[in-house]
C-alpha atoms as a PDB file:
ATOM      1  CA  UNK A   1     129.276 144.959  84.960  1.00  0.00           C
ATOM      2  CA  UNK A   2     127.269 146.702  81.882  1.00  0.00           C
ATOM      3  CA  UNK A   3     126.879 149.932  80.704  1.00  0.00           C
ATOM      4  CA  UNK A   4     124.888 151.848  77.892  1.00  0.00           C
ATOM      5  CA  UNK A   5     126.728 154.804  76.791  1.00  0.00           C
ATOM      6  CA  UNK A   6     124.506 155.755  74.081  1.00  0.00           C
ATOM      7  CA  UNK A   7     121.563 156.339  77.110  1.00  0.00           C
ATOM      8  CA  UNK A   8     120.739 159.802  78.141  1.00  0.00           C
ATOM      9  CA  UNK A   9     118.950 159.288  81.283  1.00  0.00           C
ATOM     10  CA  UNK A  10     119.384 155.884  83.043  1.00  0.00           C
ATOM     11  CA  UNK A  11     121.314 155.806  86.276  1.00  0.00           C
ATOM     12  CA  UNK A  12     124.813 154.684  86.125  1.00  0.00           C
ATOM     13  CA  UNK A  13     124.777 150.546  87.395  1.00  0.00           C
ATOM     14  CA  UNK A  14     121.593 150.793  85.167  1.00  0.00           C
ATOM     15  CA  UNK A  15     120.896 149.550  81.421  1.00  0.00           C
ATOM     16  CA  UNK A  16     117.637 150.128  79.692  1.00  0.00           C
ATOM     17  CA  UNK A  17     114.668 148.794  80.343  1.00  0.00           C
ATOM     18  CA  UNK A  18     114.653 147.142  76.942  1.00  0.00           C
ATOM     19  CA  UNK A  19     118.102 145.954  77.732  1.00  0.00           C
ATOM     20  CA  UNK A  20     118.207 144.105  81.352  1.00  0.00           C
ATOM     21  CA  UNK A  21     117.103 140.525  81.403  1.00  0.00           C
ATOM     22  CA  UNK A  22     118.493 139.950  77.859  1.00  0.00           C
ATOM     23  CA  UNK A  23     121.342 137.326  76.495  1.00  0.00           C
ATOM     24  CA  UNK A  24     124.847 139.925  76.070  1.00  0.00           C
ATOM     25  CA  UNK A  25     128.286 138.789  73.999  1.00  0.00           C
ATOM     26  CA  UNK A  26     130.905 139.347  76.374  1.00  0.00           C
ATOM     27  CA  UNK A  27     133.576 139.351  73.542  1.00  0.00           C
ATOM     28  CA  UNK A  28     137.025 137.694  74.318  1.00  0.00           C
ATOM     29  CA  UNK A  29     139.459 136.534  71.750  1.00  0.00           C
ATOM     30  CA  UNK A  30     139.869 132.902  73.508  1.00  0.00           C
ATOM     31  CA  UNK A  31     136.778 131.827  75.471  1.00  0.00           C
ATOM     32  CA  UNK A  32     133.559 134.743  74.466  1.00  0.00           C
ATOM     33  CA  UNK A  33     130.531 133.775  76.237  1.00  0.00           C
ATOM     34  CA  UNK A  34     126.918 134.912  76.808  1.00  0.00           C
ATOM     35  CA  UNK A  35     125.805 135.892  80.096  1.00  0.00           C
ATOM     36  CA  UNK A  36     122.566 137.649  81.033  1.00  0.00           C
ATOM     37  CA  UNK A  37     121.992 141.003  81.651  1.00  0.00           C
ATOM     38  CA  UNK A  38     120.739 141.623  85.279  1.00  0.00           C
ATOM     39  CA  UNK A  39     117.404 143.331  86.235  1.00  0.00           C
ATOM     40  CA  UNK A  40     117.191 146.781  88.476  1.00  0.00           C
ATOM     41  CA  UNK A  41     115.493 145.744  91.642  1.00  0.00           C
ATOM     42  CA  UNK A  42     112.474 147.798  92.046  1.00  0.00           C
ATOM     43  CA  UNK A  43     113.390 150.439  94.461  1.00  0.00           C
ATOM     44  CA  UNK A  44     115.878 151.799  92.006  1.00  0.00           C
ATOM     45  CA  UNK A  45     112.849 152.511  90.156  1.00  0.00           C
ATOM     46  CA  UNK A  46     110.941 154.537  92.951  1.00  0.00           C
ATOM     47  CA  UNK A  47     107.872 157.299  92.547  1.00  0.00           C
ATOM     48  CA  UNK A  48     108.214 158.859  95.775  1.00  0.00           C
ATOM     49  CA  UNK A  49     104.514 161.084  96.306  1.00  0.00           C
ATOM     50  CA  UNK A  50     104.435 163.721  99.100  1.00  0.00           C
ATOM     51  CA  UNK A  51     101.607 165.755 100.126  1.00  0.00           C
ATOM     52  CA  UNK A  52     100.443 168.412 102.426  1.00  0.00           C
ATOM     53  CA  UNK A  53      97.105 169.347 102.543  1.00  0.00           C
ATOM     54  CA  UNK A  54      94.395 170.705 104.525  1.00  0.00           C
ATOM     55  CA  UNK A  55      90.870 169.809 104.620  1.00  0.00           C
ATOM     56  CA  UNK A  56      87.714 172.216 105.272  1.00  0.00           C
ATOM     57  CA  UNK A  57      84.768 171.348 106.673  1.00  0.00           C
ATOM     58  CA  UNK A  58      82.648 171.735 102.960  1.00  0.00           C
ATOM     59  CA  UNK A  59      85.085 168.404 101.847  1.00  0.00           C
ATOM     60  CA  UNK A  60      87.659 170.653 100.092  1.00  0.00           C
ATOM     61  CA  UNK A  61      91.229 169.444  99.852  1.00  0.00           C
ATOM     62  CA  UNK A  62      94.085 171.620  99.274  1.00  0.00           C
ATOM     63  CA  UNK A  63      97.917 172.205  99.667  1.00  0.00           C
ATOM     64  CA  UNK A  64     101.439 171.101  98.362  1.00  0.00           C
ATOM     65  CA  UNK A  65     102.544 168.104  96.415  1.00  0.00           C
ATOM     66  CA  UNK A  66     106.030 166.765  95.289  1.00  0.00           C
ATOM     67  CA  UNK A  67     106.505 163.933  93.576  1.00  0.00           C
ATOM     68  CA  UNK A  68     110.108 162.724  92.572  1.00  0.00           C
ATOM     69  CA  UNK A  69     111.042 159.705  90.242  1.00  0.00           C
ATOM     70  CA  UNK A  70     114.061 157.905  89.823  1.00  0.00           C
ATOM     71  CA  UNK A  71     115.629 155.075  88.103  1.00  0.00           C
ATOM     72  CA  UNK A  72     113.412 153.835  85.050  1.00  0.00           C
ATOM     73  CA  UNK A  73     110.709 155.516  85.848  1.00  0.00           C
ATOM     74  CA  UNK A  74     112.566 159.090  85.714  1.00  0.00           C
ATOM     75  CA  UNK A  75     113.741 157.938  82.433  1.00  0.00           C
ATOM     76  CA  UNK A  76     110.685 157.330  81.194  1.00  0.00           C
ATOM     77  CA  UNK A  77     109.341 160.565  82.617  1.00  0.00           C
ATOM     78  CA  UNK A  78     112.404 162.518  81.126  1.00  0.00           C
ATOM     79  CA  UNK A  79     111.761 161.126  77.978  1.00  0.00           C
ATOM     80  CA  UNK A  80     108.504 162.369  77.881  1.00  0.00           C
ATOM     81  CA  UNK A  81     109.067 166.157  79.039  1.00  0.00           C
ATOM     82  CA  UNK A  82     112.533 167.089  77.532  1.00  0.00           C
ATOM     83  CA  UNK A  83     111.149 168.215  74.380  1.00  0.00           C
ATOM     84  CA  UNK A  84     108.574 170.334  75.652  1.00  0.00           C
ATOM     85  CA  UNK A  85     108.847 173.994  76.636  1.00  0.00           C
ATOM     86  CA  UNK A  86     108.314 174.972  80.092  1.00  0.00           C
ATOM     87  CA  UNK A  87     104.659 176.563  79.617  1.00  0.00           C
ATOM     88  CA  UNK A  88     104.536 172.768  77.907  1.00  0.00           C
ATOM     89  CA  UNK A  89     105.353 170.811  80.316  1.00  0.00           C
ATOM     90  CA  UNK A  90     102.622 173.334  83.129  1.00  0.00           C
ATOM     91  CA  UNK A  91     100.068 171.982  81.073  1.00  0.00           C
ATOM     92  CA  UNK A  92     101.077 168.287  80.867  1.00  0.00           C
ATOM     93  CA  UNK A  93     101.082 168.117  84.857  1.00  0.00           C
ATOM     94  CA  UNK A  94      97.690 170.379  85.093  1.00  0.00           C
ATOM     95  CA  UNK A  95      95.940 167.945  82.852  1.00  0.00           C
ATOM     96  CA  UNK A  96      97.319 164.393  84.367  1.00  0.00           C
ATOM     97  CA  UNK A  97      96.185 165.853  87.683  1.00  0.00           C
ATOM     98  CA  UNK A  98      92.515 167.302  86.584  1.00  0.00           C
ATOM     99  CA  UNK A  99      91.741 164.025  84.629  1.00  0.00           C
ATOM    100  CA  UNK A 100      91.862 162.388  87.787  1.00  0.00           C
ATOM    101  CA  UNK A 101      90.593 164.639  90.218  1.00  0.00           C
ATOM    102  CA  UNK A 102      89.151 167.743  88.893  1.00  0.00           C
ATOM    103  CA  UNK A 103      91.284 169.876  90.564  1.00  0.00           C
ATOM    104  CA  UNK A 104      92.472 173.240  90.119  1.00  0.00           C
ATOM    105  CA  UNK A 105      96.255 173.422  90.046  1.00  0.00           C
ATOM    106  CA  UNK A 106      98.546 175.835  90.075  1.00  0.00           C
ATOM    107  CA  UNK A 107     102.673 176.910  91.009  1.00  0.00           C
ATOM    108  CA  UNK A 108     103.816 173.799  88.795  1.00  0.00           C
ATOM    109  CA  UNK A 109     107.486 173.675  88.479  1.00  0.00           C
ATOM    110  CA  UNK A 110     109.257 170.649  86.708  1.00  0.00           C
ATOM    111  CA  UNK A 111     113.149 169.770  87.551  1.00  0.00           C
ATOM    112  CA  UNK A 112     115.701 167.624  85.835  1.00  0.00           C
ATOM    113  CA  UNK A 113     114.143 167.550  82.847  1.00  0.00           C
ATOM    114  CA  UNK A 114     117.584 166.603  80.973  1.00  0.00           C
ATOM    115  CA  UNK A 115     119.917 165.925  84.024  1.00  0.00           C
ATOM    116  CA  UNK A 116     121.002 162.577  83.315  1.00  0.00           C
ATOM    117  CA  UNK A 117     121.898 162.158  87.616  1.00  0.00           C
ATOM    118  CA  UNK A 118     119.591 163.848  89.258  1.00  0.00           C
ATOM    119  CA  UNK A 119     116.115 162.382  89.713  1.00  0.00           C
ATOM    120  CA  UNK A 120     112.653 163.678  87.874  1.00  0.00           C
ATOM    121  CA  UNK A 121     110.455 166.360  90.001  1.00  0.00           C
ATOM    122  CA  UNK A 122     107.338 167.568  89.946  1.00  0.00           C
ATOM    123  CA  UNK A 123     105.703 169.958  92.366  1.00  0.00           C
ATOM    124  CA  UNK A 124     102.561 172.104  92.670  1.00  0.00           C
ATOM    125  CA  UNK A 125      99.496 173.115  94.860  1.00  0.00           C
ATOM    126  CA  UNK A 126      96.339 171.815  94.260  1.00  0.00           C
ATOM    127  CA  UNK A 127      92.615 172.296  95.064  1.00  0.00           C
ATOM    128  CA  UNK A 128      90.265 169.452  95.058  1.00  0.00           C
ATOM    129  CA  UNK A 129      86.408 170.622  95.386  1.00  0.00           C
ATOM    130  CA  UNK A 130      84.392 168.073  97.117  1.00  0.00           C
ATOM    131  CA  UNK A 131      87.119 166.123  97.758  1.00  0.00           C
ATOM    132  CA  UNK A 132      85.507 164.563 101.018  1.00  0.00           C
ATOM    133  CA  UNK A 133      81.770 163.236 100.808  1.00  0.00           C
ATOM    134  CA  UNK A 134      79.925 165.295 103.471  1.00  0.00           C
ATOM    135  CA  UNK A 135      76.440 163.897 105.006  1.00  0.00           C
ATOM    136  CA  UNK A 136      75.097 165.304 107.799  1.00  0.00           C
ATOM    137  CA  UNK A 137      77.964 165.825 110.445  1.00  0.00           C
ATOM    138  CA  UNK A 138      80.223 163.549 109.215  1.00  0.00           C
ATOM    139  CA  UNK A 139      82.772 163.473 106.398  1.00  0.00           C
ATOM    140  CA  UNK A 140      84.335 160.682 104.356  1.00  0.00           C
ATOM    141  CA  UNK A 141      87.868 161.021 103.357  1.00  0.00           C
ATOM    142  CA  UNK A 142      90.311 158.761 101.119  1.00  0.00           C
ATOM    143  CA  UNK A 143      93.677 159.710 102.805  1.00  0.00           C
ATOM    144  CA  UNK A 144      95.138 158.258 100.063  1.00  0.00           C
ATOM    145  CA  UNK A 145      95.212 161.169  97.742  1.00  0.00           C
ATOM    146  CA  UNK A 146      97.357 159.876  95.428  1.00  0.00           C
ATOM    147  CA  UNK A 147      94.998 156.996  94.071  1.00  0.00           C
ATOM    148  CA  UNK A 148      91.925 158.703  94.631  1.00  0.00           C
ATOM    149  CA  UNK A 149      90.036 158.432  91.519  1.00  0.00           C
ATOM    150  CA  UNK A 150      91.898 155.857  89.502  1.00  0.00           C
ATOM    151  CA  UNK A 151      90.780 152.947  88.253  1.00  0.00           C
ATOM    152  CA  UNK A 152      91.629 148.903  88.733  1.00  0.00           C
ATOM    153  CA  UNK A 153      94.754 147.977  86.713  1.00  0.00           C
ATOM    154  CA  UNK A 154      93.260 144.870  85.236  1.00  0.00           C
ATOM    155  CA  UNK A 155      89.290 145.360  84.340  1.00  0.00           C
ATOM    156  CA  UNK A 156      88.789 142.819  82.591  1.00  0.00           C
ATOM    157  CA  UNK A 157      88.072 139.285  83.556  1.00  0.00           C
ATOM    158  CA  UNK A 158      90.006 137.216  81.300  1.00  0.00           C
ATOM    159  CA  UNK A 159      93.067 137.679  79.090  1.00  0.00           C
ATOM    160  CA  UNK A 160      94.545 135.661  76.144  1.00  0.00           C
ATOM    161  CA  UNK A 161      98.289 136.867  76.233  1.00  0.00           C
ATOM    162  CA  UNK A 162     101.034 137.029  78.381  1.00  0.00           C
ATOM    163  CA  UNK A 163     101.409 140.036  80.896  1.00  0.00           C
ATOM    164  CA  UNK A 164     104.740 141.944  80.683  1.00  0.00           C
ATOM    165  CA  UNK A 165     105.918 144.987  82.804  1.00  0.00           C
ATOM    166  CA  UNK A 166     108.751 146.445  81.463  1.00  0.00           C
ATOM    167  CA  UNK A 167     110.812 146.938  84.871  1.00  0.00           C
ATOM    168  CA  UNK A 168     109.990 146.654  88.540  1.00  0.00           C
ATOM    169  CA  UNK A 169     109.258 149.559  90.424  1.00  0.00           C
ATOM    170  CA  UNK A 170     108.614 150.982  93.665  1.00  0.00           C
ATOM    171  CA  UNK A 171     106.067 153.405  95.182  1.00  0.00           C
ATOM    172  CA  UNK A 172     106.623 155.333  98.777  1.00  0.00           C
ATOM    173  CA  UNK A 173     103.871 157.908  99.657  1.00  0.00           C
ATOM    174  CA  UNK A 174     103.774 160.053 102.492  1.00  0.00           C
ATOM    175  CA  UNK A 175     100.354 162.218 102.996  1.00  0.00           C
ATOM    176  CA  UNK A 176      99.582 164.448 105.949  1.00  0.00           C
ATOM    177  CA  UNK A 177      95.895 165.954 106.088  1.00  0.00           C
ATOM    178  CA  UNK A 178      94.945 168.421 108.403  1.00  0.00           C
ATOM    179  CA  UNK A 179      91.143 168.067 109.357  1.00  0.00           C
ATOM    180  CA  UNK A 180      88.904 170.568 110.004  1.00  0.00           C
ATOM    181  CA  UNK A 181      88.095 172.500 113.498  1.00  0.00           C
ATOM    182  CA  UNK A 182      86.315 170.713 115.465  1.00  0.00           C
ATOM    183  CA  UNK A 183      86.403 166.685 113.377  1.00  0.00           C
ATOM    184  CA  UNK A 184      87.841 164.007 114.750  1.00  0.00           C
ATOM    185  CA  UNK A 185      88.510 160.031 112.810  1.00  0.00           C
ATOM    186  CA  UNK A 186      85.659 157.918 114.224  1.00  0.00           C
ATOM    187  CA  UNK A 187      87.213 154.730 115.088  1.00  0.00           C
ATOM    188  CA  UNK A 188      89.683 154.545 112.238  1.00  0.00           C
ATOM    189  CA  UNK A 189      91.438 151.551 111.017  1.00  0.00           C
ATOM    190  CA  UNK A 190      94.349 151.300 108.980  1.00  0.00           C
ATOM    191  CA  UNK A 191      94.359 149.424 105.459  1.00  0.00           C
ATOM    192  CA  UNK A 192      95.043 145.960 105.528  1.00  0.00           C
ATOM    193  CA  UNK A 193      98.567 145.354 104.954  1.00  0.00           C
ATOM    194  CA  UNK A 194      99.445 141.932 102.188  1.00  0.00           C
ATOM    195  CA  UNK A 195     101.965 140.951  99.916  1.00  0.00           C
ATOM    196  CA  UNK A 196     102.634 138.552  96.740  1.00  0.00           C
ATOM    197  CA  UNK A 197     105.732 136.482  98.078  1.00  0.00           C
ATOM    198  CA  UNK A 198     109.074 138.069  96.962  1.00  0.00           C
ATOM    199  CA  UNK A 199     107.016 139.279  94.236  1.00  0.00           C
ATOM    200  CA  UNK A 200     105.207 142.316  95.815  1.00  0.00           C
ATOM    201  CA  UNK A 201     104.800 143.608  99.153  1.00  0.00           C
ATOM    202  CA  UNK A 202     102.000 146.182  99.932  1.00  0.00           C
ATOM    203  CA  UNK A 203     101.943 148.412 103.218  1.00  0.00           C
ATOM    204  CA  UNK A 204      99.945 150.853 104.196  1.00  0.00           C
ATOM    205  CA  UNK A 205      99.791 152.481 107.706  1.00  0.00           C
ATOM    206  CA  UNK A 206      98.200 155.316 109.043  1.00  0.00           C
ATOM    207  CA  UNK A 207      98.252 157.317 111.976  1.00  0.00           C
ATOM    208  CA  UNK A 208      97.572 160.324 113.768  1.00  0.00           C
ATOM    209  CA  UNK A 209      99.031 163.066 115.274  1.00  0.00           C
ATOM    210  CA  UNK A 210      98.527 163.633 118.997  1.00  0.00           C
ATOM    211  CA  UNK A 211      96.557 166.287 119.086  1.00  0.00           C
ATOM    212  CA  UNK A 212      94.238 164.723 116.585  1.00  0.00           C
ATOM    213  CA  UNK A 213      94.241 167.190 114.285  1.00  0.00           C
ATOM    214  CA  UNK A 214      96.339 165.690 111.106  1.00  0.00           C
ATOM    215  CA  UNK A 215      96.148 162.213 109.727  1.00  0.00           C
ATOM    216  CA  UNK A 216      99.403 160.530 108.402  1.00  0.00           C
ATOM    217  CA  UNK A 217      99.123 158.276 105.796  1.00  0.00           C
ATOM    218  CA  UNK A 218     101.885 156.229 104.549  1.00  0.00           C
ATOM    219  CA  UNK A 219     102.247 153.464 101.643  1.00  0.00           C
ATOM    220  CA  UNK A 220     105.236 151.433 100.267  1.00  0.00           C
ATOM    221  CA  UNK A 221     104.442 149.057  97.629  1.00  0.00           C
ATOM    222  CA  UNK A 222     106.868 147.530  95.215  1.00  0.00           C
ATOM    223  CA  UNK A 223     106.744 144.883  92.192  1.00  0.00           C
ATOM    224  CA  UNK A 224     109.186 142.776  91.365  1.00  0.00           C
ATOM    225  CA  UNK A 225     107.371 140.644  88.501  1.00  0.00           C
ATOM    226  CA  UNK A 226     108.474 140.855  84.855  1.00  0.00           C
ATOM    227  CA  UNK A 227     106.620 138.047  82.031  1.00  0.00           C
ATOM    228  CA  UNK A 228     103.256 136.779  83.949  1.00  0.00           C
ATOM    229  CA  UNK A 229     101.607 134.020  81.664  1.00  0.00           C
ATOM    230  CA  UNK A 230      98.130 134.360  80.840  1.00  0.00           C
ATOM    231  CA  UNK A 231      97.270 131.341  82.860  1.00  0.00           C
ATOM    232  CA  UNK A 232      98.252 133.434  86.438  1.00  0.00           C
ATOM    233  CA  UNK A 233      96.177 136.236  85.318  1.00  0.00           C
ATOM    234  CA  UNK A 234      93.346 135.660  87.763  1.00  0.00           C
ATOM    235  CA  UNK A 235      95.641 135.708  90.328  1.00  0.00           C
ATOM    236  CA  UNK A 236      97.331 138.638  89.492  1.00  0.00           C
ATOM    237  CA  UNK A 237      94.075 140.216  88.932  1.00  0.00           C
ATOM    238  CA  UNK A 238      92.929 139.388  92.341  1.00  0.00           C
ATOM    239  CA  UNK A 239      96.262 140.606  93.903  1.00  0.00           C
ATOM    240  CA  UNK A 240      95.865 144.198  92.102  1.00  0.00           C
ATOM    241  CA  UNK A 241      92.105 144.264  92.651  1.00  0.00           C
ATOM    242  CA  UNK A 242      93.150 143.993  96.510  1.00  0.00           C
ATOM    243  CA  UNK A 243      95.599 146.750  96.079  1.00  0.00           C
ATOM    244  CA  UNK A 244      93.047 149.002  94.788  1.00  0.00           C
ATOM    245  CA  UNK A 245      90.122 148.321  96.828  1.00  0.00           C
ATOM    246  CA  UNK A 246      92.935 149.119 100.006  1.00  0.00           C
ATOM    247  CA  UNK A 247      94.096 152.221  98.110  1.00  0.00           C
ATOM    248  CA  UNK A 248      90.402 153.414  98.271  1.00  0.00           C
ATOM    249  CA  UNK A 249      89.707 153.037 101.800  1.00  0.00           C
ATOM    250  CA  UNK A 250      87.937 155.568 103.667  1.00  0.00           C
ATOM    251  CA  UNK A 251      87.869 157.095 106.509  1.00  0.00           C
ATOM    252  CA  UNK A 252      84.465 158.696 108.586  1.00  0.00           C
ATOM    253  CA  UNK A 253      85.289 161.795 110.354  1.00  0.00           C
ATOM    254  CA  UNK A 254      82.617 162.979 112.650  1.00  0.00           C
ATOM    255  CA  UNK A 255      81.919 166.852 113.903  1.00  0.00           C
ATOM    256  CA  UNK A 256      82.535 166.823 117.958  1.00  0.00           C
ATOM    257  CA  UNK A 257      79.424 168.018 119.912  1.00  0.00           C
ATOM    258  CA  UNK A 258      79.128 169.807 122.659  1.00  0.00           C
ATOM    259  CA  UNK A 259      78.259 166.022 124.436  1.00  0.00           C
ATOM    260  CA  UNK A 260      80.604 164.560 122.142  1.00  0.00           C
ATOM    261  CA  UNK A 261      84.406 165.894 122.841  1.00  0.00           C
ATOM    262  CA  UNK A 262      86.404 162.555 123.515  1.00  0.00           C
ATOM    263  CA  UNK A 263      89.190 162.260 120.832  1.00  0.00           C
ATOM    264  CA  UNK A 264      89.558 159.346 118.604  1.00  0.00           C
ATOM    265  CA  UNK A 265      92.837 157.093 119.506  1.00  0.00           C
ATOM    266  CA  UNK A 266      94.910 156.476 116.601  1.00  0.00           C
ATOM    267  CA  UNK A 267      94.640 153.044 115.080  1.00  0.00           C
ATOM    268  CA  UNK A 268      98.260 150.363 115.509  1.00  0.00           C
ATOM    269  CA  UNK A 269      99.649 148.966 112.754  1.00  0.00           C
END
């Protein structure tokens, strides 16, 4: 087993990501040997994101958000935040959300910043005017709140150099959106599920509560790639472009009329 006692925030059983996948000398007076340090699996470095939101008829989305980081993800965040004051930490969270969504953010809490064991946690309340686009009696809603407003990971068409991912990671999202009174999903379909063999999996799911008032969006993503040669860039870009496309999946919400009172059935997934 390998340990780095000089590292403050890496979980027990893990090394700094810079020390994973490296040759290490195991000393012995008779037979010293070099061994390769293991990579931590993707589920050890997870970003778990939860949002409980309410959508108004004008397209405004508001509610509470919690994001929890573990493993290398947590260590990265703690290194960024640990020398900041509480006020500075609050402003950093607000700036991050505002830059992506143009949202109003308040009630920010940042937990376990210097704790060597506990996950790094952000909590806040958010309000996003115009999150859903209104057209006539319809609203067009992107249920994946956490990827709204993001750009493709690889925007360029070609790459000269190899691609190196610091460590495997995983993302686990649950978004609950309560719909405005009188609106229901019109023929809702779930985003597509796909994978890249054992390297990566992408599994979004969509369901609707029995009363038809709340959309529940779940998303599981993991990526275990490390060093990707430039010759494989086209395949890598295609994969992440498809992830970005499915993350932007949009639902049509139809306003019910006196002659249209049928409820949409939740999609099967």
